[in-house]
């Protein structure tokens, strides 16, 4: 079964289906580099014949998707494929968690995305992700081609190249049309990372007290 690389979705679908594609990737990043991700993409279905063709493509096929996401770096939560009959669109929804965002580069779906989370200046992190270009030379309807990347970062933002910011959810958003995507884009963010939560001192005192009580109880029980 052919492996799936999401960096190639833009290239293949623009060639096969004249650019009728919307792709959305949403990531919530944790201080230690782990996090949660949802991937959603959908396309217009012209007729029943088109639907049959779509189901044969690996990244619209549930079994193929499950196989490609089998990795020690990923915990796959759910894969859904469905048709929205109100507008005749075929949808794929994938939710997962990952051990570290850099580790996604070692998985089949994201092998060409070049995720990178590195230390910058003291207390800072630098994050990047590559978004590949769409196919060129195709008869693509640019108005029906959009890609969106939504990120939530665990820290104070210093610099970014996001196209939008949602202050209510503290989300940084990159949205590109076909023309804007051009030869490819790189998401780039520098933020001052929040410190990992430290265990409160009172937890240690409480644990010590409980341990002492248990030892005294066992000693008395044994003595009796």
C-alpha atoms as a PDB file:
ATOM      1  CA  UNK A   1       0.000   0.000   0.000  1.00  0.00           C
ATOM      2  CA  UNK A   2       1.442   3.373  -1.015  1.00  0.00           C
ATOM      3  CA  UNK A   3       2.754   5.484   1.855  1.00  0.00           C
ATOM      4  CA  UNK A   4       1.172   8.870   2.489  1.00  0.00           C
ATOM      5  CA  UNK A   5       3.081  12.118   2.689  1.00  0.00           C
ATOM      6  CA  UNK A   6       0.969  15.169   3.341  1.00  0.00           C
ATOM      7  CA  UNK A   7       3.564  17.411   1.756  1.00  0.00           C
ATOM      8  CA  UNK A   8       2.571  15.794  -1.555  1.00  0.00           C
ATOM      9  CA  UNK A   9      -1.183  16.294  -1.180  1.00  0.00           C
ATOM     10  CA  UNK A  10      -0.924  19.768  -2.669  1.00  0.00           C
ATOM     11  CA  UNK A  11       1.000  18.498  -5.675  1.00  0.00           C
ATOM     12  CA  UNK A  12      -1.104  15.423  -6.434  1.00  0.00           C
ATOM     13  CA  UNK A  13      -4.565  16.851  -5.856  1.00  0.00           C
ATOM     14  CA  UNK A  14      -3.983  20.004  -7.862  1.00  0.00           C
ATOM     15  CA  UNK A  15      -3.043  17.772 -10.771  1.00  0.00           C
ATOM     16  CA  UNK A  16      -5.893  15.293 -10.411  1.00  0.00           C
ATOM     17  CA  UNK A  17      -8.747  17.522  -9.371  1.00  0.00           C
ATOM     18  CA  UNK A  18      -7.946  20.962 -10.766  1.00  0.00           C
ATOM     19  CA  UNK A  19      -7.123  22.478  -7.408  1.00  0.00           C
ATOM     20  CA  UNK A  20     -10.432  21.814  -5.625  1.00  0.00           C
ATOM     21  CA  UNK A  21      -8.725  21.499  -2.274  1.00  0.00           C
ATOM     22  CA  UNK A  22      -8.891  22.914   1.244  1.00  0.00           C
ATOM     23  CA  UNK A  23      -6.332  21.748   3.790  1.00  0.00           C
ATOM     24  CA  UNK A  24      -6.150  22.696   7.491  1.00  0.00           C
ATOM     25  CA  UNK A  25      -3.584  21.667  10.083  1.00  0.00           C
ATOM     26  CA  UNK A  26      -3.995  22.733  13.725  1.00  0.00           C
ATOM     27  CA  UNK A  27      -1.324  22.186  16.392  1.00  0.00           C
ATOM     28  CA  UNK A  28      -1.245  22.829  20.134  1.00  0.00           C
ATOM     29  CA  UNK A  29       2.356  22.670  21.312  1.00  0.00           C
ATOM     30  CA  UNK A  30       3.425  21.825  24.882  1.00  0.00           C
ATOM     31  CA  UNK A  31       6.489  23.256  26.691  1.00  0.00           C
ATOM     32  CA  UNK A  32       8.421  19.985  26.255  1.00  0.00           C
ATOM     33  CA  UNK A  33       7.839  19.856  22.482  1.00  0.00           C
ATOM     34  CA  UNK A  34       5.046  17.284  22.551  1.00  0.00           C
ATOM     35  CA  UNK A  35       1.550  18.251  21.509  1.00  0.00           C
ATOM     36  CA  UNK A  36      -1.742  17.578  19.777  1.00  0.00           C
ATOM     37  CA  UNK A  37      -2.584  17.915  16.104  1.00  0.00           C
ATOM     38  CA  UNK A  38      -5.656  17.791  13.927  1.00  0.00           C
ATOM     39  CA  UNK A  39      -5.466  17.506  10.152  1.00  0.00           C
ATOM     40  CA  UNK A  40      -8.526  18.216   8.047  1.00  0.00           C
ATOM     41  CA  UNK A  41      -8.863  18.344   4.293  1.00  0.00           C
ATOM     42  CA  UNK A  42     -11.772  18.192   1.920  1.00  0.00           C
ATOM     43  CA  UNK A  43     -12.605  18.504  -1.752  1.00  0.00           C
ATOM     44  CA  UNK A  44     -15.602  18.950  -4.013  1.00  0.00           C
ATOM     45  CA  UNK A  45     -17.133  15.799  -5.502  1.00  0.00           C
ATOM     46  CA  UNK A  46     -18.531  16.261  -8.990  1.00  0.00           C
ATOM     47  CA  UNK A  47     -20.453  12.980  -9.303  1.00  0.00           C
ATOM     48  CA  UNK A  48     -20.511   9.325  -8.244  1.00  0.00           C
ATOM     49  CA  UNK A  49     -17.713   8.491 -10.666  1.00  0.00           C
ATOM     50  CA  UNK A  50     -15.505  11.123  -9.025  1.00  0.00           C
ATOM     51  CA  UNK A  51     -16.349   9.696  -5.596  1.00  0.00           C
ATOM     52  CA  UNK A  52     -15.141   6.240  -6.661  1.00  0.00           C
ATOM     53  CA  UNK A  53     -11.868   7.738  -7.867  1.00  0.00           C
ATOM     54  CA  UNK A  54     -11.357   9.671  -4.639  1.00  0.00           C
ATOM     55  CA  UNK A  55     -11.833   6.582  -2.467  1.00  0.00           C
ATOM     56  CA  UNK A  56      -9.012   4.853  -4.332  1.00  0.00           C
ATOM     57  CA  UNK A  57      -6.505   7.573  -3.422  1.00  0.00           C
ATOM     58  CA  UNK A  58      -4.417   6.598  -0.394  1.00  0.00           C
ATOM     59  CA  UNK A  59      -4.833   9.828   1.565  1.00  0.00           C
ATOM     60  CA  UNK A  60      -8.619   9.613   1.267  1.00  0.00           C
ATOM     61  CA  UNK A  61      -8.671   5.939   2.255  1.00  0.00           C
ATOM     62  CA  UNK A  62      -9.125   5.192   5.958  1.00  0.00           C
ATOM     63  CA  UNK A  63      -7.092   1.978   5.960  1.00  0.00           C
ATOM     64  CA  UNK A  64      -4.190   3.602   4.119  1.00  0.00           C
ATOM     65  CA  UNK A  65      -4.236   6.538   6.503  1.00  0.00           C
ATOM     66  CA  UNK A  66      -4.185   4.279   9.548  1.00  0.00           C
ATOM     67  CA  UNK A  67      -1.236   2.332   8.167  1.00  0.00           C
ATOM     68  CA  UNK A  68       0.763   5.482   7.421  1.00  0.00           C
ATOM     69  CA  UNK A  69       0.157   6.918  10.894  1.00  0.00           C
ATOM     70  CA  UNK A  70       1.414   3.803  12.654  1.00  0.00           C
ATOM     71  CA  UNK A  71       4.502   5.169  14.414  1.00  0.00           C
ATOM     72  CA  UNK A  72       6.109   5.087  17.849  1.00  0.00           C
ATOM     73  CA  UNK A  73       6.142   8.901  17.730  1.00  0.00           C
ATOM     74  CA  UNK A  74       2.382   9.258  17.209  1.00  0.00           C
ATOM     75  CA  UNK A  75      -0.679   8.286  19.202  1.00  0.00           C
ATOM     76  CA  UNK A  76      -3.509   8.159  16.707  1.00  0.00           C
ATOM     77  CA  UNK A  77      -6.793   9.184  18.316  1.00  0.00           C
ATOM     78  CA  UNK A  78      -9.271   9.151  15.444  1.00  0.00           C
ATOM     79  CA  UNK A  79      -9.581   9.037  11.652  1.00  0.00           C
ATOM     80  CA  UNK A  80     -12.873   9.967  10.031  1.00  0.00           C
ATOM     81  CA  UNK A  81     -13.816  10.031   6.361  1.00  0.00           C
ATOM     82  CA  UNK A  82     -17.249  11.236   5.318  1.00  0.00           C
ATOM     83  CA  UNK A  83     -19.309  12.976   2.641  1.00  0.00           C
ATOM     84  CA  UNK A  84     -21.110  16.237   3.377  1.00  0.00           C
ATOM     85  CA  UNK A  85     -24.216  15.921   1.229  1.00  0.00           C
ATOM     86  CA  UNK A  86     -25.173  19.583   1.719  1.00  0.00           C
ATOM     87  CA  UNK A  87     -22.350  20.707  -0.558  1.00  0.00           C
ATOM     88  CA  UNK A  88     -21.091  17.361  -1.920  1.00  0.00           C
ATOM     89  CA  UNK A  89     -17.637  17.468  -0.387  1.00  0.00           C
ATOM     90  CA  UNK A  90     -15.483  14.537   0.704  1.00  0.00           C
ATOM     91  CA  UNK A  91     -13.785  15.064   4.085  1.00  0.00           C
ATOM     92  CA  UNK A  92     -10.943  13.542   6.071  1.00  0.00           C
ATOM     93  CA  UNK A  93     -10.483  14.399   9.780  1.00  0.00           C
ATOM     94  CA  UNK A  94      -7.462  13.093  11.694  1.00  0.00           C
ATOM     95  CA  UNK A  95      -6.631  13.761  15.346  1.00  0.00           C
ATOM     96  CA  UNK A  96      -3.423  12.660  17.049  1.00  0.00           C
ATOM     97  CA  UNK A  97      -0.809  13.460  19.663  1.00  0.00           C
ATOM     98  CA  UNK A  98       2.961  13.354  19.164  1.00  0.00           C
ATOM     99  CA  UNK A  99       5.961  12.823  21.455  1.00  0.00           C
ATOM    100  CA  UNK A 100       7.952  15.758  20.022  1.00  0.00           C
ATOM    101  CA  UNK A 101       7.184  17.853  16.990  1.00  0.00           C
ATOM    102  CA  UNK A 102      10.644  17.205  15.497  1.00  0.00           C
ATOM    103  CA  UNK A 103       9.869  13.474  15.616  1.00  0.00           C
ATOM    104  CA  UNK A 104       7.111  13.968  13.035  1.00  0.00           C
ATOM    105  CA  UNK A 105       9.863  14.260  10.417  1.00  0.00           C
ATOM    106  CA  UNK A 106      10.503  10.528  10.987  1.00  0.00           C
ATOM    107  CA  UNK A 107       6.917   9.590  10.117  1.00  0.00           C
ATOM    108  CA  UNK A 108       5.592   8.854   6.638  1.00  0.00           C
ATOM    109  CA  UNK A 109       2.910  11.573   6.430  1.00  0.00           C
ATOM    110  CA  UNK A 110       5.236  14.435   7.446  1.00  0.00           C
ATOM    111  CA  UNK A 111       8.575  13.258   6.082  1.00  0.00           C
ATOM    112  CA  UNK A 112       9.009  16.367   3.901  1.00  0.00           C
ATOM    113  CA  UNK A 113       7.590  19.020   6.257  1.00  0.00           C
ATOM    114  CA  UNK A 114      10.921  19.761   7.968  1.00  0.00           C
ATOM    115  CA  UNK A 115       9.516  20.488  11.433  1.00  0.00           C
ATOM    116  CA  UNK A 116      12.137  22.103  13.672  1.00  0.00           C
ATOM    117  CA  UNK A 117      11.991  23.253  17.308  1.00  0.00           C
ATOM    118  CA  UNK A 118      15.379  24.488  18.472  1.00  0.00           C
ATOM    119  CA  UNK A 119      16.836  26.571  21.301  1.00  0.00           C
ATOM    120  CA  UNK A 120      17.425  30.206  20.427  1.00  0.00           C
ATOM    121  CA  UNK A 121      18.638  32.938  22.763  1.00  0.00           C
ATOM    122  CA  UNK A 122      18.451  32.213  26.493  1.00  0.00           C
ATOM    123  CA  UNK A 123      14.948  31.005  27.332  1.00  0.00           C
ATOM    124  CA  UNK A 124      13.776  31.216  23.712  1.00  0.00           C
ATOM    125  CA  UNK A 125      12.594  28.632  21.189  1.00  0.00           C
ATOM    126  CA  UNK A 126      12.644  28.851  17.395  1.00  0.00           C
ATOM    127  CA  UNK A 127      10.045  26.862  15.447  1.00  0.00           C
ATOM    128  CA  UNK A 128       9.799  26.331  11.682  1.00  0.00           C
ATOM    129  CA  UNK A 129       7.772  24.171   9.302  1.00  0.00           C
ATOM    130  CA  UNK A 130       8.026  24.002   5.525  1.00  0.00           C
ATOM    131  CA  UNK A 131       4.895  24.173   3.337  1.00  0.00           C
ATOM    132  CA  UNK A 132       5.643  22.793  -0.162  1.00  0.00           C
ATOM    133  CA  UNK A 133       4.441  24.464  -3.375  1.00  0.00           C
ATOM    134  CA  UNK A 134       1.471  23.259  -5.402  1.00  0.00           C
ATOM    135  CA  UNK A 135       1.878  21.724  -8.821  1.00  0.00           C
ATOM    136  CA  UNK A 136       2.682  24.150 -11.611  1.00  0.00           C
ATOM    137  CA  UNK A 137       1.460  24.094 -15.180  1.00  0.00           C
ATOM    138  CA  UNK A 138      -1.972  22.723 -14.229  1.00  0.00           C
ATOM    139  CA  UNK A 139      -5.394  24.160 -15.056  1.00  0.00           C
ATOM    140  CA  UNK A 140      -6.042  25.122 -11.436  1.00  0.00           C
ATOM    141  CA  UNK A 141      -8.893  27.269 -10.197  1.00  0.00           C
ATOM    142  CA  UNK A 142      -6.952  29.356  -7.671  1.00  0.00           C
ATOM    143  CA  UNK A 143     -10.116  30.511  -5.909  1.00  0.00           C
ATOM    144  CA  UNK A 144     -10.787  26.900  -4.844  1.00  0.00           C
ATOM    145  CA  UNK A 145      -7.364  26.182  -3.393  1.00  0.00           C
ATOM    146  CA  UNK A 146      -6.496  27.131   0.200  1.00  0.00           C
ATOM    147  CA  UNK A 147      -4.165  25.842   2.901  1.00  0.00           C
ATOM    148  CA  UNK A 148      -4.359  26.891   6.560  1.00  0.00           C
ATOM    149  CA  UNK A 149      -2.013  26.193   9.471  1.00  0.00           C
ATOM    150  CA  UNK A 150      -3.073  27.088  13.030  1.00  0.00           C
ATOM    151  CA  UNK A 151      -0.642  27.004  15.954  1.00  0.00           C
ATOM    152  CA  UNK A 152      -0.823  27.588  19.691  1.00  0.00           C
ATOM    153  CA  UNK A 153       2.590  28.093  21.344  1.00  0.00           C
ATOM    154  CA  UNK A 154       3.476  27.644  25.049  1.00  0.00           C
ATOM    155  CA  UNK A 155       5.180  30.960  25.613  1.00  0.00           C
ATOM    156  CA  UNK A 156       5.405  34.683  24.992  1.00  0.00           C
ATOM    157  CA  UNK A 157       5.628  35.517  21.290  1.00  0.00           C
ATOM    158  CA  UNK A 158       8.709  37.441  20.165  1.00  0.00           C
ATOM    159  CA  UNK A 159       8.605  37.274  16.344  1.00  0.00           C
ATOM    160  CA  UNK A 160       6.475  35.431  13.791  1.00  0.00           C
ATOM    161  CA  UNK A 161       5.437  35.557  10.136  1.00  0.00           C
ATOM    162  CA  UNK A 162       1.808  34.468  10.630  1.00  0.00           C
ATOM    163  CA  UNK A 163      -0.770  36.004   8.315  1.00  0.00           C
ATOM    164  CA  UNK A 164      -3.360  36.294  11.115  1.00  0.00           C
ATOM    165  CA  UNK A 165      -3.627  36.226  14.911  1.00  0.00           C
ATOM    166  CA  UNK A 166      -6.681  35.151  16.925  1.00  0.00           C
ATOM    167  CA  UNK A 167      -6.361  36.868  20.352  1.00  0.00           C
ATOM    168  CA  UNK A 168      -9.340  34.992  21.818  1.00  0.00           C
ATOM    169  CA  UNK A 169      -7.698  31.600  21.355  1.00  0.00           C
ATOM    170  CA  UNK A 170      -4.107  32.873  21.214  1.00  0.00           C
ATOM    171  CA  UNK A 171      -3.744  31.149  17.851  1.00  0.00           C
ATOM    172  CA  UNK A 172      -1.267  32.101  15.141  1.00  0.00           C
ATOM    173  CA  UNK A 173      -2.622  31.395  11.670  1.00  0.00           C
ATOM    174  CA  UNK A 174      -1.016  30.971   8.253  1.00  0.00           C
ATOM    175  CA  UNK A 175      -3.471  30.960   5.332  1.00  0.00           C
ATOM    176  CA  UNK A 176      -2.390  30.877   1.697  1.00  0.00           C
ATOM    177  CA  UNK A 177      -4.132  30.782  -1.636  1.00  0.00           C
ATOM    178  CA  UNK A 178      -2.508  29.134  -4.627  1.00  0.00           C
ATOM    179  CA  UNK A 179      -0.897  32.375  -5.818  1.00  0.00           C
ATOM    180  CA  UNK A 180       0.357  33.243  -2.322  1.00  0.00           C
ATOM    181  CA  UNK A 181       1.886  29.815  -1.778  1.00  0.00           C
ATOM    182  CA  UNK A 182       4.120  30.265  -4.807  1.00  0.00           C
ATOM    183  CA  UNK A 183       7.303  28.184  -4.580  1.00  0.00           C
ATOM    184  CA  UNK A 184       6.574  27.187  -0.999  1.00  0.00           C
ATOM    185  CA  UNK A 185       6.464  28.893   2.387  1.00  0.00           C
ATOM    186  CA  UNK A 186       8.155  28.432   5.750  1.00  0.00           C
ATOM    187  CA  UNK A 187       6.313  29.007   9.024  1.00  0.00           C
ATOM    188  CA  UNK A 188       8.712  30.812  11.342  1.00  0.00           C
ATOM    189  CA  UNK A 189       8.196  31.623  15.036  1.00  0.00           C
ATOM    190  CA  UNK A 190      10.406  32.705  17.939  1.00  0.00           C
ATOM    191  CA  UNK A 191       8.903  32.669  21.423  1.00  0.00           C
ATOM    192  CA  UNK A 192      10.025  32.852  25.030  1.00  0.00           C
ATOM    193  CA  UNK A 193       9.048  29.456  26.399  1.00  0.00           C
ATOM    194  CA  UNK A 194       7.037  29.043  29.571  1.00  0.00           C
ATOM    195  CA  UNK A 195       8.874  27.034  32.215  1.00  0.00           C
ATOM    196  CA  UNK A 196       7.656  23.518  32.886  1.00  0.00           C
ATOM    197  CA  UNK A 197       5.434  23.485  35.940  1.00  0.00           C
ATOM    198  CA  UNK A 198       7.346  22.758  39.093  1.00  0.00           C
ATOM    199  CA  UNK A 199       5.939  20.452  41.767  1.00  0.00           C
ATOM    200  CA  UNK A 200       4.669  22.587  44.674  1.00  0.00           C
ATOM    201  CA  UNK A 201       6.680  22.197  47.910  1.00  0.00           C
ATOM    202  CA  UNK A 202       3.556  21.287  49.875  1.00  0.00           C
ATOM    203  CA  UNK A 203       3.190  18.133  47.760  1.00  0.00           C
ATOM    204  CA  UNK A 204       6.513  16.872  49.119  1.00  0.00           C
ATOM    205  CA  UNK A 205       5.513  17.684  52.734  1.00  0.00           C
ATOM    206  CA  UNK A 206       2.170  15.945  52.291  1.00  0.00           C
ATOM    207  CA  UNK A 207       3.784  12.884  50.693  1.00  0.00           C
ATOM    208  CA  UNK A 208       6.322  12.684  53.535  1.00  0.00           C
ATOM    209  CA  UNK A 209       3.615  12.929  56.168  1.00  0.00           C
ATOM    210  CA  UNK A 210       1.538  10.202  54.540  1.00  0.00           C
ATOM    211  CA  UNK A 211       4.622   7.976  54.281  1.00  0.00           C
ATOM    212  CA  UNK A 212       5.413   8.453  57.996  1.00  0.00           C
ATOM    213  CA  UNK A 213       1.821   7.621  58.988  1.00  0.00           C
ATOM    214  CA  UNK A 214       1.897   4.440  56.869  1.00  0.00           C
ATOM    215  CA  UNK A 215       5.213   3.334  58.422  1.00  0.00           C
ATOM    216  CA  UNK A 216       3.918   3.939  61.978  1.00  0.00           C
ATOM    217  CA  UNK A 217       0.716   2.020  61.188  1.00  0.00           C
ATOM    218  CA  UNK A 218       2.623  -0.951  59.771  1.00  0.00           C
ATOM    219  CA  UNK A 219       5.069  -0.946  62.703  1.00  0.00           C
ATOM    220  CA  UNK A 220       2.252  -1.006  65.272  1.00  0.00           C
ATOM    221  CA  UNK A 221       0.376  -3.682  63.371  1.00  0.00           C
ATOM    222  CA  UNK A 222       3.465  -5.845  63.256  1.00  0.00           C
ATOM    223  CA  UNK A 223       4.150  -5.253  66.969  1.00  0.00           C
ATOM    224  CA  UNK A 224       0.621  -6.312  67.913  1.00  0.00           C
END
